Amino acid sequence: MASRFASKSVWLLAVLASVLLIAFAIGVVVRCLSSIPDCDAYTPNERVMNCFDANGLREPLVVCPEGKLLVGAGFRKLTWVTDLDDRSRTVAIVQELDFGEGVEAAAFSGDGRRVAFFARSPAQDVIAVFDARTRELLNKWPGPRSIYGPKLRLSHDGAVLALNSVEVHRADHFEAVTVWDTSTGKLVGSVATPKDSYLTDFVLHRGRMLLAYQSTPDYKEISIYESAAPYTRTALVSSIKAPGATVFDSGRFSVDGTRLAVASHHAQPIVVYAVSDGHAIAAFDKAYYGVSTTSFPGFVFSADGKFVAASNSGGGVSLLSVDSAKELCTFEGRRYDGMHELVFGPDNGTLISIDSRAVVVWNIRDLVGHDR
């Protein structure tokens, strides 16, 4: 009996060793994410559902709209994190990449089945599309060289990808939103930024692309255009003019493109506008920081467009209700180490933030529920 047990143990060890060797061979490592010592520094502490070390995990962060999966970037790697809201079960799968160096942009498709990345490299920038369920690389192709880190948008089914780029080696800083077929990597269409304008944000939803442009050099008007396949022409939808001495800064579309949140210079509050006619839906009477990052302009809409999370000058994050134009709660981190990447979890139950120390998953379910 002992001999049989020993033989079985040796066999199990051999199988485990083979699995580990295969995992390392394909560049995948599974590890548990542990809480960091100063998680208690994040308040209100009772809303911290999970808090883990951000070492090796950096922006951009994207959350699957259909499940509890977060994907973070890193140097020549991706980190796939599951069970975000359960600290006893949270697991990270680190996947090494054989292309690019720094991942600068990421986006999920609306159905949650595809996730795309833009990876920077001295030799060649790369666009890559993965199966979100299996982490399998489906396609990759050379991306346009850009002076600045671009944003990515995927169609609902993941068949089409859009990104903005500012071409390298162009004295006029030519900018365009290019649209690609993800199955072939071929260019479908391109929409150039109008002269004397700056692209604030764009969104791709159900085949319709919306683009918001600020007029330069005064930044006192935003014009919103729409485009459809093959994404070569645009039509004006509405215009928004800044009141008084206000000068527009960052902007962010809601997922469905029906709303646009805009922050202003001179410590002016965030205002949310209706895209259809440009009228103001809500204005928040408190000034927020609104610092721009690669993926997020310091604030972000919830999936349904009813809430906004905004970074503030104290290094924290404020949860805002668009319908009531009220601040529902403020989440505080370590002062002067701002939570510079913000993303809502599925069904508005969580808000995820990252700073140089930690990724924090905040419980907002009751706040959102009571506001409705």
Protein backbone atom coordinates (compact mmCIF):
# COMPACT_ATOMS: atom_id res chain seq x y z
CA MET A 1 0.00 0.00 0.00
CA ALA A 2 2.81 2.40 0.92
CA SER A 3 4.56 1.62 -2.34
CA ARG A 4 1.37 2.31 -4.30
CA PHE A 5 0.86 5.64 -2.43
CA ALA A 6 4.44 6.65 -3.12
CA SER A 7 4.05 5.82 -6.80
CA LYS A 8 0.85 7.89 -7.00
CA SER A 9 2.55 10.82 -5.27
CA VAL A 10 5.46 10.68 -7.69
CA TRP A 11 3.00 10.64 -10.61
CA LEU A 12 1.10 13.67 -9.27
CA LEU A 13 4.35 15.57 -8.75
CA ALA A 14 5.41 14.73 -12.29
CA VAL A 15 2.10 16.03 -13.68
CA LEU A 16 2.36 19.22 -11.63
CA ALA A 17 5.93 19.77 -12.79
CA SER A 18 4.84 19.30 -16.41
CA VAL A 19 2.02 21.84 -16.01
CA LEU A 20 4.39 24.38 -14.50
CA LEU A 21 6.94 23.84 -17.26
CA ILE A 22 4.26 24.34 -19.90
CA ALA A 23 3.04 27.51 -18.16
CA PHE A 24 6.52 28.96 -18.02
CA ALA A 25 7.15 27.91 -21.62
CA ILE A 26 4.17 29.93 -22.84
CA GLY A 27 4.98 32.84 -20.55
CA VAL A 28 2.08 32.47 -18.09
CA VAL A 29 2.53 32.58 -14.32
CA VAL A 30 -0.30 32.22 -11.81
CA ARG A 31 0.06 33.97 -8.49
CA CYS A 32 -2.09 35.13 -5.62
CA LEU A 33 -2.36 38.84 -4.93
CA SER A 34 -1.71 39.75 -1.32
CA SER A 35 -2.94 42.80 0.54
CA ILE A 36 -0.40 45.53 1.18
CA PRO A 37 0.44 46.59 4.75
CA ASP A 38 -1.04 50.08 4.54
CA CYS A 39 -4.46 49.19 3.11
CA ASP A 40 -5.94 50.80 6.21
CA ALA A 41 -4.69 54.14 4.90
CA TYR A 42 -7.53 54.11 2.36
CA THR A 43 -10.78 55.51 3.73
CA PRO A 44 -13.59 55.00 4.36
CA ASN A 45 -12.05 51.66 5.26
CA GLU A 46 -15.37 49.83 5.39
CA ARG A 47 -15.75 50.41 1.65
CA VAL A 48 -12.44 48.77 0.74
CA MET A 49 -13.52 45.39 -0.64
CA ASN A 50 -10.04 44.51 -1.82
CA CYS A 51 -6.62 46.11 -1.85
CA PHE A 52 -3.51 44.57 -3.36
CA ASP A 53 0.02 45.55 -4.26
CA ALA A 54 0.28 47.44 -7.53
CA ASN A 55 3.91 46.42 -8.00
CA GLY A 56 4.30 45.37 -11.61
CA LEU A 57 0.70 46.34 -12.41
CA ARG A 58 0.15 49.74 -13.92
CA GLU A 59 -2.25 51.72 -16.03
CA PRO A 60 -4.12 51.31 -18.20
CA LEU A 61 -6.60 49.18 -16.28
CA VAL A 62 -9.69 47.80 -18.02
CA VAL A 63 -12.54 45.77 -16.55
CA CYS A 64 -14.61 43.28 -18.50
CA PRO A 65 -18.22 44.54 -18.76
CA GLU A 66 -19.54 40.98 -18.47
CA GLY A 67 -17.59 39.66 -15.46
CA LYS A 68 -15.16 40.08 -12.62
CA LEU A 69 -12.03 40.29 -14.75
CA LEU A 70 -9.52 43.14 -14.68
CA VAL A 71 -6.61 43.41 -17.07
CA GLY A 72 -3.62 45.59 -16.24
CA ALA A 73 -0.53 46.47 -18.21
CA GLY A 74 3.15 46.16 -17.44
CA PHE A 75 6.53 46.03 -19.16
CA ARG A 76 6.22 43.33 -21.82
CA LYS A 77 3.39 41.67 -19.94
CA LEU A 78 -0.31 41.64 -19.15
CA THR A 79 -1.84 40.80 -15.78
CA TRP A 80 -5.27 39.15 -15.79
CA VAL A 81 -6.91 39.49 -12.36
CA THR A 82 -10.03 37.50 -11.44
CA ASP A 83 -12.49 37.76 -8.51
CA LEU A 84 -11.69 41.40 -7.81
CA ASP A 85 -14.29 41.81 -5.11
CA ASP A 86 -13.27 38.76 -3.05
CA ARG A 87 -9.84 39.19 -1.50
CA SER A 88 -9.72 35.54 -0.42
CA ARG A 89 -10.06 34.34 -4.02
CA THR A 90 -8.29 37.03 -6.07
CA VAL A 91 -5.78 35.49 -8.47
CA ALA A 92 -3.51 37.09 -11.04
CA ILE A 93 -2.30 35.41 -14.23
CA VAL A 94 0.79 37.14 -15.59
CA GLN A 95 1.23 36.70 -19.33
CA GLU A 96 4.50 37.60 -20.99
CA LEU A 97 4.33 39.34 -24.37
CA ASP A 98 6.67 38.72 -27.28
CA PHE A 99 5.85 42.06 -28.89
CA GLY A 100 6.09 45.68 -27.86
CA GLU A 101 7.42 46.95 -24.56
CA GLY A 102 5.04 49.27 -22.73
CA VAL A 103 1.29 48.75 -23.14
CA GLU A 104 -0.17 52.26 -23.34
CA ALA A 105 -3.85 51.69 -24.16
CA ALA A 106 -6.44 48.96 -23.71
CA ALA A 107 -10.14 48.39 -24.33
CA PHE A 108 -12.76 45.66 -23.96
CA SER A 109 -15.44 44.99 -26.53
CA GLY A 110 -18.97 45.67 -25.34
CA ASP A 111 -19.79 41.96 -25.13
CA GLY A 112 -16.67 41.32 -23.04
CA ARG A 113 -15.28 38.67 -25.39
CA ARG A 114 -12.39 40.64 -26.87
CA VAL A 115 -9.77 42.93 -25.39
CA ALA A 116 -7.35 45.05 -27.43
CA PHE A 117 -4.01 46.65 -26.58
CA PHE A 118 -1.67 49.22 -28.05
CA ALA A 119 1.96 48.40 -27.24
CA ARG A 120 4.80 50.83 -27.74
CA SER A 121 8.21 49.68 -29.01
CA PRO A 122 11.30 51.44 -30.39
CA ALA A 123 11.14 49.24 -33.47
CA GLN A 124 7.41 49.14 -34.15
CA ASP A 125 4.20 50.00 -32.29
CA VAL A 126 1.73 47.11 -32.27
CA ILE A 127 -2.05 46.69 -32.02
CA ALA A 128 -3.09 43.33 -30.59
CA VAL A 129 -6.46 41.67 -29.97
CA PHE A 130 -6.96 38.83 -27.46
CA ASP A 131 -9.75 36.44 -26.58
CA ALA A 132 -10.69 37.62 -23.08
CA ARG A 133 -11.84 34.15 -21.99
CA THR A 134 -8.78 32.15 -23.04
CA ARG A 135 -6.13 34.93 -23.15
CA GLU A 136 -5.28 33.73 -26.65
CA LEU A 137 -3.74 36.21 -29.05
CA LEU A 138 -6.14 36.42 -32.00
CA ASN A 139 -4.36 38.95 -34.18
CA LYS A 140 -1.71 41.64 -34.12
CA TRP A 141 -0.50 44.14 -36.67
CA PRO A 142 1.74 47.24 -36.89
CA GLY A 143 0.12 50.32 -35.39
CA PRO A 144 0.60 53.90 -36.56
CA ARG A 145 3.50 55.67 -34.86
CA SER A 146 2.16 58.36 -32.54
CA ILE A 147 3.75 61.21 -30.63
CA TYR A 148 1.34 60.71 -27.76
CA GLY A 149 -0.14 57.59 -26.23
CA PRO A 150 -3.41 56.92 -28.09
CA LYS A 151 -6.78 55.73 -26.80
CA LEU A 152 -8.45 52.54 -28.02
CA ARG A 153 -12.12 51.79 -28.60
CA LEU A 154 -13.59 48.42 -29.61
CA SER A 155 -16.98 47.84 -31.20
CA HIS A 156 -19.55 45.83 -29.23
CA ASP A 157 -18.65 42.57 -30.99
CA GLY A 158 -14.93 43.35 -31.20
CA ALA A 159 -14.94 43.25 -35.00
CA VAL A 160 -13.81 46.88 -35.39
CA LEU A 161 -11.21 48.87 -33.48
CA ALA A 162 -10.65 52.63 -33.43
CA LEU A 163 -7.69 54.59 -32.11
CA ASN A 164 -6.41 58.12 -32.33
CA SER A 165 -2.81 58.87 -33.16
CA VAL A 166 -0.72 61.98 -33.71
CA GLU A 167 1.75 61.09 -36.42
CA VAL A 168 5.46 61.14 -35.73
CA HIS A 169 7.67 63.22 -38.05
CA ARG A 170 4.84 65.57 -38.98
CA ALA A 171 5.53 69.21 -38.21
CA ASP A 172 1.83 69.99 -38.25
CA HIS A 173 1.05 67.30 -35.60
CA PHE A 174 -1.46 65.61 -37.91
CA GLU A 175 -4.04 63.71 -35.86
CA ALA A 176 -6.67 61.20 -37.00
CA VAL A 177 -8.93 58.49 -35.62
CA THR A 178 -8.22 55.36 -37.63
CA VAL A 179 -10.61 52.40 -37.78
CA TRP A 180 -9.37 48.82 -38.28
CA ASP A 181 -10.83 45.40 -39.02
CA THR A 182 -9.60 43.26 -36.11
CA SER A 183 -9.78 39.97 -38.02
CA THR A 184 -7.50 41.15 -40.84
CA GLY A 185 -5.65 44.11 -39.33
CA LYS A 186 -6.61 46.14 -42.38
CA LEU A 187 -7.47 49.84 -42.27
CA VAL A 188 -11.22 50.43 -42.76
CA GLY A 189 -11.39 54.21 -42.58
CA SER A 190 -9.89 57.36 -41.14
CA VAL A 191 -11.27 60.60 -39.76
CA ALA A 192 -8.80 63.48 -39.58
CA THR A 193 -9.04 66.07 -36.83
CA PRO A 194 -10.26 69.37 -38.35
CA LYS A 195 -7.85 72.26 -38.64
CA ASP A 196 -7.59 74.47 -35.54
CA SER A 197 -9.17 71.74 -33.43
CA TYR A 198 -8.07 69.33 -30.72
CA LEU A 199 -9.60 65.86 -30.26
CA THR A 200 -11.12 65.74 -26.77
CA ASP A 201 -12.49 62.20 -26.85
CA PHE A 202 -14.21 59.67 -29.12
CA VAL A 203 -16.43 56.65 -28.65
CA LEU A 204 -17.52 53.71 -30.79
CA HIS A 205 -20.96 52.33 -29.96
CA ARG A 206 -23.23 50.08 -32.00
CA GLY A 207 -21.59 51.09 -35.29
CA ARG A 208 -21.77 54.81 -34.58
CA MET A 209 -18.60 56.77 -33.80
CA LEU A 210 -18.86 60.10 -31.98
CA LEU A 211 -15.98 62.57 -31.85
CA ALA A 212 -15.65 65.70 -29.69
CA TYR A 213 -13.31 68.47 -30.84
CA GLN A 214 -12.22 71.60 -29.00
CA SER A 215 -11.56 74.76 -30.94
CA THR A 216 -8.03 76.12 -30.66
CA PRO A 217 -6.39 78.31 -29.52
CA ASP A 218 -9.14 79.58 -27.19
CA TYR A 219 -10.62 76.16 -26.13
CA LYS A 220 -14.01 77.75 -25.55
CA GLU A 221 -16.13 75.59 -27.84
CA ILE A 222 -16.59 71.84 -28.31
CA SER A 223 -18.09 70.49 -31.51
CA ILE A 224 -19.46 66.95 -31.58
CA TYR A 225 -19.54 64.97 -34.84
CA GLU A 226 -20.74 61.50 -35.77
CA SER A 227 -19.47 59.01 -38.31
CA ALA A 228 -20.54 55.57 -39.54
CA ALA A 229 -18.96 52.84 -41.66
CA PRO A 230 -16.71 53.17 -43.57
CA TYR A 231 -15.75 56.00 -41.19
CA THR A 232 -14.47 58.51 -43.72
CA ARG A 233 -17.09 61.27 -43.37
CA THR A 234 -18.58 63.14 -40.42
CA ALA A 235 -21.74 65.11 -39.69
CA LEU A 236 -22.15 67.76 -37.00
CA VAL A 237 -24.36 66.69 -34.09
CA SER A 238 -24.12 69.62 -31.66
CA SER A 239 -21.89 72.37 -30.26
CA ILE A 240 -21.12 73.37 -26.69
CA LYS A 241 -19.89 76.83 -25.78
CA ALA A 242 -18.03 77.57 -22.55
CA PRO A 243 -19.82 80.11 -20.34
CA GLY A 244 -18.10 83.35 -19.31
CA ALA A 245 -14.36 83.04 -18.69
CA THR A 246 -14.44 79.23 -18.60
CA VAL A 247 -11.96 77.39 -20.81
CA PHE A 248 -12.54 73.73 -21.60
CA ASP A 249 -9.95 71.11 -20.69
CA SER A 250 -10.45 67.32 -20.59
CA GLY A 251 -13.58 65.56 -21.83
CA ARG A 252 -15.04 62.07 -21.60
CA PHE A 253 -17.92 60.40 -23.46
CA SER A 254 -20.27 57.98 -21.75
CA VAL A 255 -20.08 54.42 -23.10
CA ASP A 256 -23.18 54.85 -25.26
CA GLY A 257 -22.14 58.28 -26.51
CA THR A 258 -25.20 60.11 -25.20
CA ARG A 259 -23.34 62.22 -22.64
CA LEU A 260 -20.09 64.17 -22.48
CA ALA A 261 -18.43 65.18 -19.22
CA VAL A 262 -16.08 68.15 -19.46
CA ALA A 263 -13.60 69.58 -16.96
CA SER A 264 -12.41 73.15 -17.24
CA HIS A 265 -9.32 75.21 -16.54
CA HIS A 266 -9.18 77.71 -13.65
CA ALA A 267 -10.54 75.16 -11.12
CA GLN A 268 -14.03 75.22 -12.63
CA PRO A 269 -16.40 72.32 -11.88
CA ILE A 270 -17.13 69.33 -14.11
CA VAL A 271 -20.21 69.76 -16.31
CA VAL A 272 -22.11 66.94 -18.03
CA TYR A 273 -23.73 67.73 -21.38
CA ALA A 274 -26.28 65.93 -23.56
CA VAL A 275 -24.63 65.03 -26.85
CA SER A 276 -27.85 65.30 -28.88
CA ASP A 277 -28.28 69.07 -28.42
CA GLY A 278 -25.38 70.24 -26.23
CA HIS A 279 -27.45 71.35 -23.24
CA ALA A 280 -26.04 70.98 -19.71
CA ILE A 281 -27.49 68.06 -17.73
CA ALA A 282 -25.55 68.54 -14.49
CA ALA A 283 -22.89 70.84 -13.06
CA PHE A 284 -21.01 69.97 -9.88
CA ASP A 285 -20.40 72.92 -7.59
CA LYS A 286 -17.00 71.66 -6.44
CA ALA A 287 -13.78 71.93 -8.42
CA TYR A 288 -12.02 68.64 -9.16
CA TYR A 289 -8.50 67.97 -10.22
CA GLY A 290 -9.15 66.30 -13.59
CA VAL A 291 -5.53 65.47 -14.34
CA SER A 292 -5.08 63.78 -17.72
CA THR A 293 -3.53 60.32 -18.09
CA THR A 294 -3.01 58.01 -21.05
CA SER A 295 -6.37 56.32 -20.76
CA PHE A 296 -8.54 58.49 -18.55
CA PRO A 297 -8.86 62.26 -18.20
CA GLY A 298 -9.07 62.18 -14.39
CA PHE A 299 -12.74 61.22 -14.45
CA VAL A 300 -14.80 58.45 -15.97
CA PHE A 301 -18.46 57.55 -16.53
CA SER A 302 -20.15 54.46 -15.18
CA ALA A 303 -21.37 52.03 -17.85
CA ASP A 304 -24.90 53.48 -17.76
CA GLY A 305 -23.72 57.10 -17.81
CA LYS A 306 -25.49 57.96 -14.54
CA PHE A 307 -22.39 58.37 -12.37
CA VAL A 308 -18.96 59.94 -12.67
CA ALA A 309 -15.84 59.18 -10.67
CA ALA A 310 -13.45 62.15 -10.51
CA SER A 311 -10.00 62.53 -9.02
CA ASN A 312 -9.57 65.49 -6.69
CA SER A 313 -6.66 67.68 -5.66
CA GLY A 314 -6.29 65.90 -2.30
CA GLY A 315 -5.28 62.64 -3.91
CA GLY A 316 -8.72 61.04 -3.52
CA VAL A 317 -11.68 60.18 -5.70
CA SER A 318 -15.23 61.56 -5.58
CA LEU A 319 -18.29 59.63 -6.72
CA LEU A 320 -20.79 61.92 -8.41
CA SER A 321 -24.41 61.40 -9.44
CA VAL A 322 -25.34 62.95 -12.78
CA ASP A 323 -29.10 62.75 -12.19
CA SER A 324 -28.99 64.55 -8.83
CA ALA A 325 -25.83 66.61 -9.50
CA LYS A 326 -24.55 65.63 -6.05
CA GLU A 327 -21.38 64.15 -4.62
CA LEU A 328 -22.27 60.79 -3.08
CA CYS A 329 -18.97 59.94 -1.39
CA THR A 330 -15.26 60.75 -1.35
CA PHE A 331 -12.63 58.03 -1.17
CA GLU A 332 -9.28 59.06 0.26
CA GLY A 333 -5.87 57.57 -0.38
CA ARG A 334 -2.39 58.69 0.45
CA ARG A 335 -2.22 62.44 -0.01
CA TYR A 336 -0.27 63.67 -3.04
CA ASP A 337 -0.17 60.13 -4.43
CA GLY A 338 -3.30 60.57 -6.49
CA MET A 339 -5.55 57.80 -7.71
CA HIS A 340 -4.80 58.52 -11.31
CA GLU A 341 -6.56 55.58 -12.97
CA LEU A 342 -10.28 55.03 -12.38
CA VAL A 343 -12.68 52.41 -13.73
CA PHE A 344 -16.15 51.25 -12.74
CA GLY A 345 -16.76 47.56 -12.23
CA PRO A 346 -19.71 45.66 -13.75
CA ASP A 347 -23.24 46.81 -12.79
CA ASN A 348 -21.84 49.83 -10.86
CA GLY A 349 -21.14 47.67 -7.81
CA THR A 350 -17.48 48.59 -7.55
CA LEU A 351 -15.04 51.37 -8.37
CA ILE A 352 -11.40 50.49 -8.98
CA SER A 353 -8.54 52.95 -8.49
CA ILE A 354 -4.78 52.66 -8.74
CA ASP A 355 -1.92 54.74 -7.41
CA SER A 356 1.81 54.04 -7.21
CA ARG A 357 1.26 51.73 -4.25
CA ALA A 358 -2.00 49.84 -4.56
CA VAL A 359 -5.00 48.79 -6.60
CA VAL A 360 -8.11 49.41 -4.48
CA VAL A 361 -11.57 47.97 -5.11
CA TRP A 362 -14.24 50.15 -3.48
CA ASN A 363 -17.78 49.02 -2.65
CA ILE A 364 -20.26 51.54 -4.07
CA ARG A 365 -23.32 49.35 -4.55
CA ASP A 366 -25.42 50.87 -1.77
CA LEU A 367 -24.41 54.44 -2.68
CA VAL A 368 -25.51 53.90 -6.28
CA GLY A 369 -28.67 52.07 -5.21
CA HIS A 370 -29.83 54.73 -2.77
CA ASP A 371 -29.34 57.47 -5.36
CA ARG A 372 -31.79 55.94 -7.82
